[in-house]
PDB file of all heavy atoms in Angstrom:
ATOM      1  N   LEU A   1     -15.342 -93.212 -43.746  1.00  0.00           N
ATOM      2  CA  LEU A   1     -16.444 -92.937 -42.800  1.00  0.00           C
ATOM      3  C   LEU A   1     -16.413 -94.259 -41.964  1.00  0.00           C
ATOM      4  O   LEU A   1     -16.798 -95.364 -42.464  1.00  0.00           O
ATOM      5  CB  LEU A   1     -17.767 -92.767 -43.552  1.00  0.00           C
ATOM      6  CG  LEU A   1     -17.868 -91.669 -44.517  1.00  0.00           C
ATOM      7  CD1 LEU A   1     -19.172 -91.702 -45.266  1.00  0.00           C
ATOM      8  CD2 LEU A   1     -17.654 -90.410 -43.821  1.00  0.00           C
ATOM      9  N   SER A   2     -16.204 -94.126 -40.713  1.00  0.00           N
ATOM     10  CA  SER A   2     -16.185 -95.245 -39.850  1.00  0.00           C
ATOM     11  C   SER A   2     -17.434 -95.899 -39.491  1.00  0.00           C
ATOM     12  O   SER A   2     -18.299 -95.084 -39.182  1.00  0.00           O
ATOM     13  CB  SER A   2     -15.424 -94.787 -38.519  1.00  0.00           C
ATOM     14  OG  SER A   2     -14.085 -94.419 -38.780  1.00  0.00           O
ATOM     15  N   ARG A   3     -17.536 -97.271 -39.556  1.00  0.00           N
ATOM     16  CA  ARG A   3     -18.627 -98.021 -39.179  1.00  0.00           C
ATOM     17  C   ARG A   3     -19.948 -97.307 -39.721  1.00  0.00           C
ATOM     18  O   ARG A   3     -21.005 -97.106 -39.130  1.00  0.00           O
ATOM     19  CB  ARG A   3     -18.758 -98.016 -37.616  1.00  0.00           C
ATOM     20  CG  ARG A   3     -17.489 -98.681 -37.066  1.00  0.00           C
ATOM     21  CD  ARG A   3     -17.493 -98.914 -35.497  1.00  0.00           C
ATOM     22  NE  ARG A   3     -18.579 -99.664 -35.084  1.00  0.00           N
ATOM     23  CZ  ARG A   3     -18.547-101.055 -35.047  1.00  0.00           C
ATOM     24  NH1 ARG A   3     -17.550-101.693 -35.543  1.00  0.00           N
ATOM     25  NH2 ARG A   3     -19.684-101.743 -34.564  1.00  0.00           N
ATOM     26  N   TYR A   4     -19.848 -97.133 -41.064  1.00  0.00           N
ATOM     27  CA  TYR A   4     -20.991 -96.356 -41.702  1.00  0.00           C
ATOM     28  C   TYR A   4     -22.081 -97.301 -42.184  1.00  0.00           C
ATOM     29  O   TYR A   4     -23.171 -96.776 -42.116  1.00  0.00           O
ATOM     30  CB  TYR A   4     -20.358 -95.722 -42.973  1.00  0.00           C
ATOM     31  CG  TYR A   4     -21.225 -94.760 -43.677  1.00  0.00           C
ATOM     32  CD1 TYR A   4     -21.515 -93.536 -43.211  1.00  0.00           C
ATOM     33  CD2 TYR A   4     -21.801 -95.106 -44.895  1.00  0.00           C
ATOM     34  CE1 TYR A   4     -22.274 -92.658 -43.875  1.00  0.00           C
ATOM     35  CE2 TYR A   4     -22.714 -94.310 -45.505  1.00  0.00           C
ATOM     36  CZ  TYR A   4     -22.891 -92.953 -45.043  1.00  0.00           C
ATOM     37  OH  TYR A   4     -23.790 -92.292 -45.660  1.00  0.00           O
ATOM     38  N   MET A   5     -21.900 -98.518 -42.587  1.00  0.00           N
ATOM     39  CA  MET A   5     -22.925 -99.328 -43.040  1.00  0.00           C
ATOM     40  C   MET A   5     -22.584-100.787 -42.875  1.00  0.00           C
ATOM     41  O   MET A   5     -21.484-101.214 -42.870  1.00  0.00           O
ATOM     42  CB  MET A   5     -23.308 -98.967 -44.446  1.00  0.00           C
ATOM     43  CG  MET A   5     -22.322 -99.240 -45.551  1.00  0.00           C
ATOM     44  SD  MET A   5     -22.676 -98.574 -47.200  1.00  0.00           S
ATOM     45  CE  MET A   5     -24.268 -99.259 -47.592  1.00  0.00           C
ATOM     46  N   THR A   6     -23.679-101.692 -42.893  1.00  0.00           N
ATOM     47  CA  THR A   6     -23.466-103.000 -42.686  1.00  0.00           C
ATOM     48  C   THR A   6     -23.395-103.683 -44.097  1.00  0.00           C
ATOM     49  O   THR A   6     -24.337-103.337 -44.965  1.00  0.00           O
ATOM     50  CB  THR A   6     -24.680-103.573 -41.844  1.00  0.00           C
ATOM     51  OG1 THR A   6     -24.711-102.910 -40.683  1.00  0.00           O
ATOM     52  CG2 THR A   6     -24.530-105.022 -41.633  1.00  0.00           C
ATOM     53  N   PHE A   7     -22.613-104.636 -44.237  1.00  0.00           N
ATOM     54  CA  PHE A   7     -22.546-105.433 -45.432  1.00  0.00           C
ATOM     55  C   PHE A   7     -22.721-106.868 -44.927  1.00  0.00           C
ATOM     56  O   PHE A   7     -21.915-107.447 -44.367  1.00  0.00           O
ATOM     57  CB  PHE A   7     -21.082-105.312 -46.043  1.00  0.00           C
ATOM     58  CG  PHE A   7     -20.832-103.869 -46.517  1.00  0.00           C
ATOM     59  CD1 PHE A   7     -20.372-103.070 -45.676  1.00  0.00           C
ATOM     60  CD2 PHE A   7     -20.914-103.676 -47.963  1.00  0.00           C
ATOM     61  CE1 PHE A   7     -20.019-101.779 -46.216  1.00  0.00           C
ATOM     62  CE2 PHE A   7     -20.673-102.275 -48.362  1.00  0.00           C
ATOM     63  CZ  PHE A   7     -20.228-101.355 -47.517  1.00  0.00           C
ATOM     64  N   PRO A   8     -24.062-107.357 -45.193  1.00  0.00           N
ATOM     65  CA  PRO A   8     -24.397-108.703 -44.656  1.00  0.00           C
ATOM     66  C   PRO A   8     -23.497-109.919 -45.081  1.00  0.00           C
ATOM     67  O   PRO A   8     -23.376-110.815 -44.271  1.00  0.00           O
ATOM     68  CB  PRO A   8     -25.825-108.953 -45.134  1.00  0.00           C
ATOM     69  CG  PRO A   8     -26.045-107.995 -46.248  1.00  0.00           C
ATOM     70  CD  PRO A   8     -25.010-106.825 -46.011  1.00  0.00           C
ATOM     71  N   ASN A   9     -22.723-109.830 -46.066  1.00  0.00           N
ATOM     72  CA  ASN A   9     -21.898-110.856 -46.571  1.00  0.00           C
ATOM     73  C   ASN A   9     -20.562-110.726 -45.847  1.00  0.00           C
ATOM     74  O   ASN A   9     -19.722-111.679 -46.059  1.00  0.00           O
ATOM     75  CB  ASN A   9     -21.773-110.799 -48.061  1.00  0.00           C
ATOM     76  CG  ASN A   9     -23.102-110.949 -48.785  1.00  0.00           C
ATOM     77  OD1 ASN A   9     -23.725-111.929 -48.590  1.00  0.00           O
ATOM     78  ND2 ASN A   9     -23.480-109.903 -49.549  1.00  0.00           N
ATOM     79  N   LEU A  10     -20.257-109.732 -45.062  1.00  0.00           N
ATOM     80  CA  LEU A  10     -19.005-109.617 -44.331  1.00  0.00           C
ATOM     81  C   LEU A  10     -19.156-109.698 -42.821  1.00  0.00           C
ATOM     82  O   LEU A  10     -18.269-109.647 -42.167  1.00  0.00           O
ATOM     83  CB  LEU A  10     -18.448-108.299 -44.678  1.00  0.00           C
ATOM     84  CG  LEU A  10     -17.992-108.016 -46.112  1.00  0.00           C
ATOM     85  CD1 LEU A  10     -17.471-106.585 -46.190  1.00  0.00           C
ATOM     86  CD2 LEU A  10     -17.122-109.031 -46.536  1.00  0.00           C
ATOM     87  N   GLY A  11     -20.587-109.907 -42.411  1.00  0.00           N
ATOM     88  CA  GLY A  11     -20.758-110.004 -40.954  1.00  0.00           C
ATOM     89  C   GLY A  11     -21.906-109.014 -40.526  1.00  0.00           C
ATOM     90  O   GLY A  11     -22.425-108.129 -41.299  1.00  0.00           O
ATOM     91  N   ALA A  12     -22.041-108.984 -39.220  1.00  0.00           N
ATOM     92  CA  ALA A  12     -23.260-108.295 -38.633  1.00  0.00           C
ATOM     93  C   ALA A  12     -22.704-106.875 -38.242  1.00  0.00           C
ATOM     94  O   ALA A  12     -23.578-105.993 -37.982  1.00  0.00           O
ATOM     95  CB  ALA A  12     -23.844-108.972 -37.479  1.00  0.00           C
ATOM     96  N   GLU A  13     -21.441-106.587 -37.998  1.00  0.00           N
ATOM     97  CA  GLU A  13     -20.967-105.240 -37.590  1.00  0.00           C
ATOM     98  C   GLU A  13     -20.945-104.237 -38.720  1.00  0.00           C
ATOM     99  O   GLU A  13     -20.602-104.594 -39.868  1.00  0.00           O
ATOM    100  CB  GLU A  13     -19.598-105.425 -37.013  1.00  0.00           C
ATOM    101  CG  GLU A  13     -19.499-106.193 -35.736  1.00  0.00           C
ATOM    102  CD  GLU A  13     -18.218-106.268 -35.005  1.00  0.00           C
ATOM    103  OE1 GLU A  13     -17.395-105.376 -35.395  1.00  0.00           O
ATOM    104  OE2 GLU A  13     -18.006-107.049 -34.041  1.00  0.00           O
ATOM    105  N   ALA A  14     -21.230-102.980 -38.379  1.00  0.00           N
ATOM    106  CA  ALA A  14     -21.160-101.949 -39.411  1.00  0.00           C
ATOM    107  C   ALA A  14     -19.588-101.915 -39.972  1.00  0.00           C
ATOM    108  O   ALA A  14     -18.664-102.217 -38.972  1.00  0.00           O
ATOM    109  CB  ALA A  14     -21.438-100.715 -38.776  1.00  0.00           C
ATOM    110  N   GLN A  15     -19.320-101.640 -41.014  1.00  0.00           N
ATOM    111  CA  GLN A  15     -18.092-101.549 -41.654  1.00  0.00           C
ATOM    112  C   GLN A  15     -17.716-100.051 -42.176  1.00  0.00           C
ATOM    113  O   GLN A  15     -18.550 -99.196 -42.234  1.00  0.00           O
ATOM    114  CB  GLN A  15     -18.001-102.425 -42.984  1.00  0.00           C
ATOM    115  CG  GLN A  15     -18.436-103.834 -42.659  1.00  0.00           C
ATOM    116  CD  GLN A  15     -17.213-104.674 -42.074  1.00  0.00           C
ATOM    117  OE1 GLN A  15     -16.176-104.624 -42.508  1.00  0.00           O
ATOM    118  NE2 GLN A  15     -17.516-105.436 -41.120  1.00  0.00           N
ATOM    119  N   ASP A  16     -16.512 -99.798 -42.358  1.00  0.00           N
ATOM    120  CA  ASP A  16     -15.964 -98.621 -42.863  1.00  0.00           C
ATOM    121  C   ASP A  16     -15.985 -98.470 -44.372  1.00  0.00           C
ATOM    122  O   ASP A  16     -15.965 -99.537 -45.055  1.00  0.00           O
ATOM    123  CB  ASP A  16     -14.495 -98.329 -42.495  1.00  0.00           C
ATOM    124  CG  ASP A  16     -14.235 -98.337 -40.994  1.00  0.00           C
ATOM    125  OD1 ASP A  16     -15.252 -98.372 -40.227  1.00  0.00           O
ATOM    126  OD2 ASP A  16     -13.009 -98.034 -40.780  1.00  0.00           O
ATOM    127  N   VAL A  17     -16.375 -97.293 -44.936  1.00  0.00           N
ATOM    128  CA  VAL A  17     -16.453 -97.067 -46.311  1.00  0.00           C
ATOM    129  C   VAL A  17     -15.586 -95.890 -46.613  1.00  0.00           C
ATOM    130  O   VAL A  17     -15.355 -95.051 -45.907  1.00  0.00           O
ATOM    131  CB  VAL A  17     -17.983 -96.927 -46.836  1.00  0.00           C
ATOM    132  CG1 VAL A  17     -18.798 -98.148 -46.481  1.00  0.00           C
ATOM    133  CG2 VAL A  17     -18.508 -95.604 -46.223  1.00  0.00           C
ATOM    134  N   TRP A  18     -15.328 -95.849 -47.973  1.00  0.00           N
ATOM    135  CA  TRP A  18     -14.745 -94.574 -48.576  1.00  0.00           C
ATOM    136  C   TRP A  18     -15.927 -93.875 -49.103  1.00  0.00           C
ATOM    137  O   TRP A  18     -16.786 -94.386 -49.833  1.00  0.00           O
ATOM    138  CB  TRP A  18     -13.733 -95.009 -49.752  1.00  0.00           C
ATOM    139  CG  TRP A  18     -12.505 -95.700 -49.308  1.00  0.00           C
ATOM    140  CD1 TRP A  18     -12.079 -96.796 -49.723  1.00  0.00           C
ATOM    141  CD2 TRP A  18     -11.453 -95.126 -48.468  1.00  0.00           C
ATOM    142  NE1 TRP A  18     -10.877 -97.138 -49.102  1.00  0.00           N
ATOM    143  CE2 TRP A  18     -10.423 -96.208 -48.394  1.00  0.00           C
ATOM    144  CE3 TRP A  18     -11.279 -93.951 -47.650  1.00  0.00           C
ATOM    145  CZ2 TRP A  18      -9.344 -95.978 -47.597  1.00  0.00           C
ATOM    146  CZ3 TRP A  18     -10.134 -93.866 -46.962  1.00  0.00           C
ATOM    147  CH2 TRP A  18      -9.247 -94.825 -46.867  1.00  0.00           C
ATOM    148  N   MET A  19     -15.928 -92.491 -49.105  1.00  0.00           N
ATOM    149  CA  MET A  19     -16.884 -91.596 -49.615  1.00  0.00           C
ATOM    150  C   MET A  19     -16.153 -91.057 -50.845  1.00  0.00           C
ATOM    151  O   MET A  19     -15.032 -90.486 -50.723  1.00  0.00           O
ATOM    152  CB  MET A  19     -17.238 -90.515 -48.626  1.00  0.00           C
ATOM    153  CG  MET A  19     -18.117 -89.384 -49.312  1.00  0.00           C
ATOM    154  SD  MET A  19     -19.763 -89.941 -49.898  1.00  0.00           S
ATOM    155  CE  MET A  19     -20.635 -90.077 -48.522  1.00  0.00           C
ATOM    156  N   TYR A  20     -16.780 -91.125 -51.968  1.00  0.00           N
ATOM    157  CA  TYR A  20     -16.444 -90.499 -53.266  1.00  0.00           C
ATOM    158  C   TYR A  20     -17.447 -89.491 -53.689  1.00  0.00           C
ATOM    159  O   TYR A  20     -18.586 -89.731 -53.524  1.00  0.00           O
ATOM    160  CB  TYR A  20     -16.172 -91.595 -54.233  1.00  0.00           C
ATOM    161  CG  TYR A  20     -14.872 -92.379 -54.254  1.00  0.00           C
ATOM    162  CD1 TYR A  20     -14.764 -93.416 -53.360  1.00  0.00           C
ATOM    163  CD2 TYR A  20     -13.723 -92.025 -55.003  1.00  0.00           C
ATOM    164  CE1 TYR A  20     -13.572 -94.003 -53.229  1.00  0.00           C
ATOM    165  CE2 TYR A  20     -12.500 -92.634 -54.890  1.00  0.00           C
ATOM    166  CZ  TYR A  20     -12.429 -93.670 -54.087  1.00  0.00           C
ATOM    167  OH  TYR A  20     -11.347 -94.348 -53.939  1.00  0.00           O
ATOM    168  N   ALA A  21     -17.041 -88.465 -54.265  1.00  0.00           N
ATOM    169  CA  ALA A  21     -17.834 -87.364 -54.821  1.00  0.00           C
ATOM    170  C   ALA A  21     -17.468 -86.561 -55.927  1.00  0.00           C
ATOM    171  O   ALA A  21     -16.022 -86.498 -56.045  1.00  0.00           O
ATOM    172  CB  ALA A  21     -18.331 -86.608 -53.724  1.00  0.00           C
ATOM    173  N   VAL A  22     -18.201 -85.928 -56.629  1.00  0.00           N
ATOM    174  CA  VAL A  22     -17.943 -84.820 -57.498  1.00  0.00           C
ATOM    175  C   VAL A  22     -19.011 -83.933 -57.448  1.00  0.00           C
ATOM    176  O   VAL A  22     -20.163 -84.217 -57.163  1.00  0.00           O
ATOM    177  CB  VAL A  22     -17.803 -85.494 -59.087  1.00  0.00           C
ATOM    178  CG1 VAL A  22     -19.191 -86.004 -59.587  1.00  0.00           C
ATOM    179  CG2 VAL A  22     -17.391 -84.369 -59.951  1.00  0.00           C
ATOM    180  N   ALA A  23     -18.635 -82.540 -57.540  1.00  0.00           N
ATOM    181  CA  ALA A  23     -19.598 -81.497 -57.356  1.00  0.00           C
ATOM    182  C   ALA A  23     -19.524 -80.452 -58.461  1.00  0.00           C
ATOM    183  O   ALA A  23     -18.539 -80.349 -59.186  1.00  0.00           O
ATOM    184  CB  ALA A  23     -19.354 -80.868 -55.924  1.00  0.00           C
ATOM    185  N   ILE A  24     -20.570 -79.534 -58.557  1.00  0.00           N
ATOM    186  CA  ILE A  24     -20.556 -78.521 -59.440  1.00  0.00           C
ATOM    187  C   ILE A  24     -19.760 -77.389 -58.943  1.00  0.00           C
ATOM    188  O   ILE A  24     -19.891 -77.159 -57.840  1.00  0.00           O
ATOM    189  CB  ILE A  24     -22.076 -78.016 -59.655  1.00  0.00           C
ATOM    190  CG1 ILE A  24     -23.089 -79.021 -60.264  1.00  0.00           C
ATOM    191  CG2 ILE A  24     -22.083 -76.688 -60.430  1.00  0.00           C
ATOM    192  CD1 ILE A  24     -22.718 -79.230 -61.651  1.00  0.00           C
ATOM    193  N   GLY A  25     -18.711 -77.080 -59.752  1.00  0.00           N
ATOM    194  CA  GLY A  25     -17.784 -75.983 -59.329  1.00  0.00           C
ATOM    195  C   GLY A  25     -18.362 -74.597 -59.499  1.00  0.00           C
ATOM    196  O   GLY A  25     -19.539 -74.441 -59.996  1.00  0.00           O
ATOM    197  N   ALA A  26     -17.591 -73.646 -59.201  1.00  0.00           N
ATOM    198  CA  ALA A  26     -18.028 -72.231 -59.308  1.00  0.00           C
ATOM    199  C   ALA A  26     -18.338 -71.876 -60.734  1.00  0.00           C
ATOM    200  O   ALA A  26     -19.161 -71.035 -61.012  1.00  0.00           O
ATOM    201  CB  ALA A  26     -16.970 -71.280 -58.785  1.00  0.00           C
ATOM    202  N   GLY A  27     -17.737 -72.515 -61.696  1.00  0.00           N
ATOM    203  CA  GLY A  27     -17.872 -72.182 -63.160  1.00  0.00           C
ATOM    204  C   GLY A  27     -19.158 -72.976 -63.713  1.00  0.00           C
ATOM    205  O   GLY A  27     -19.470 -72.828 -64.870  1.00  0.00           O
ATOM    206  N   GLY A  28     -19.874 -73.717 -62.886  1.00  0.00           N
ATOM    207  CA  GLY A  28     -21.065 -74.473 -63.257  1.00  0.00           C
ATOM    208  C   GLY A  28     -20.714 -75.885 -63.790  1.00  0.00           C
ATOM    209  O   GLY A  28     -21.526 -76.492 -64.320  1.00  0.00           O
ATOM    210  N   SER A  29     -19.397 -76.234 -63.864  1.00  0.00           N
ATOM    211  CA  SER A  29     -19.004 -77.643 -64.374  1.00  0.00           C
ATOM    212  C   SER A  29     -18.734 -78.612 -63.245  1.00  0.00           C
ATOM    213  O   SER A  29     -18.371 -78.075 -62.125  1.00  0.00           O
ATOM    214  CB  SER A  29     -17.883 -77.563 -65.318  1.00  0.00           C
ATOM    215  OG  SER A  29     -16.709 -76.955 -64.636  1.00  0.00           O
ATOM    216  N   ALA A  30     -18.874 -79.837 -63.400  1.00  0.00           N
ATOM    217  CA  ALA A  30     -18.633 -80.790 -62.487  1.00  0.00           C
ATOM    218  C   ALA A  30     -17.093 -80.823 -62.104  1.00  0.00           C
ATOM    219  O   ALA A  30     -16.351 -80.871 -63.103  1.00  0.00           O
ATOM    220  CB  ALA A  30     -19.064 -82.241 -62.964  1.00  0.00           C
ATOM    221  N   GLN A  31     -16.748 -80.904 -60.872  1.00  0.00           N
ATOM    222  CA  GLN A  31     -15.363 -80.921 -60.455  1.00  0.00           C
ATOM    223  C   GLN A  31     -15.138 -81.862 -59.304  1.00  0.00           C
ATOM    224  O   GLN A  31     -15.923 -81.908 -58.454  1.00  0.00           O
ATOM    225  CB  GLN A  31     -14.890 -79.554 -59.981  1.00  0.00           C
ATOM    226  CG  GLN A  31     -14.937 -78.480 -61.203  1.00  0.00           C
ATOM    227  CD  GLN A  31     -14.112 -77.348 -61.020  1.00  0.00           C
ATOM    228  OE1 GLN A  31     -13.408 -77.315 -60.070  1.00  0.00           O
ATOM    229  NE2 GLN A  31     -14.220 -76.434 -61.909  1.00  0.00           N
ATOM    230  N   PRO A  32     -14.048 -82.701 -59.263  1.00  0.00           N
ATOM    231  CA  PRO A  32     -13.930 -83.596 -58.158  1.00  0.00           C
ATOM    232  C   PRO A  32     -13.524 -82.587 -56.942  1.00  0.00           C
ATOM    233  O   PRO A  32     -13.146 -81.515 -57.130  1.00  0.00           O
ATOM    234  CB  PRO A  32     -12.508 -84.234 -58.542  1.00  0.00           C
ATOM    235  CG  PRO A  32     -12.406 -84.189 -60.029  1.00  0.00           C
ATOM    236  CD  PRO A  32     -13.008 -82.947 -60.356  1.00  0.00           C
ATOM    237  N   LEU A  33     -14.027 -83.167 -55.706  1.00  0.00           N
ATOM    238  CA  LEU A  33     -13.776 -82.419 -54.539  1.00  0.00           C
ATOM    239  C   LEU A  33     -12.442 -82.835 -54.072  1.00  0.00           C
ATOM    240  O   LEU A  33     -11.924 -83.888 -54.084  1.00  0.00           O
ATOM    241  CB  LEU A  33     -14.949 -82.768 -53.597  1.00  0.00           C
ATOM    242  CG  LEU A  33     -16.211 -82.340 -53.923  1.00  0.00           C
ATOM    243  CD1 LEU A  33     -17.183 -82.868 -53.064  1.00  0.00           C
ATOM    244  CD2 LEU A  33     -16.458 -80.850 -54.227  1.00  0.00           C
ATOM    245  N   SER A  34     -11.860 -81.809 -53.260  1.00  0.00           N
ATOM    246  CA  SER A  34     -10.604 -82.083 -52.631  1.00  0.00           C
ATOM    247  C   SER A  34     -10.933 -82.908 -51.299  1.00  0.00           C
ATOM    248  O   SER A  34     -12.009 -82.984 -50.883  1.00  0.00           O
ATOM    249  CB  SER A  34      -9.877 -80.719 -52.163  1.00  0.00           C
ATOM    250  OG  SER A  34     -10.713 -80.203 -51.178  1.00  0.00           O
ATOM    251  N   PRO A  35      -9.982 -83.471 -50.687  1.00  0.00           N
ATOM    252  CA  PRO A  35     -10.119 -84.265 -49.529  1.00  0.00           C
ATOM    253  C   PRO A  35     -10.852 -83.432 -48.418  1.00  0.00           C
ATOM    254  O   PRO A  35     -11.591 -83.904 -47.526  1.00  0.00           O
ATOM    255  CB  PRO A  35      -8.874 -84.793 -49.036  1.00  0.00           C
ATOM    256  CG  PRO A  35      -7.977 -84.872 -50.310  1.00  0.00           C
ATOM    257  CD  PRO A  35      -8.520 -83.636 -51.079  1.00  0.00           C
TER     258      PRO A  35
END
């Protein structure tokens, strides 16, 4: 995610982050999401 949030210890400009997630799958169990 480009320019998603500010990290004050790295400067005043918004920085890029990685988004990580896990979701409930069709079977009702948690499953990692594909890209």
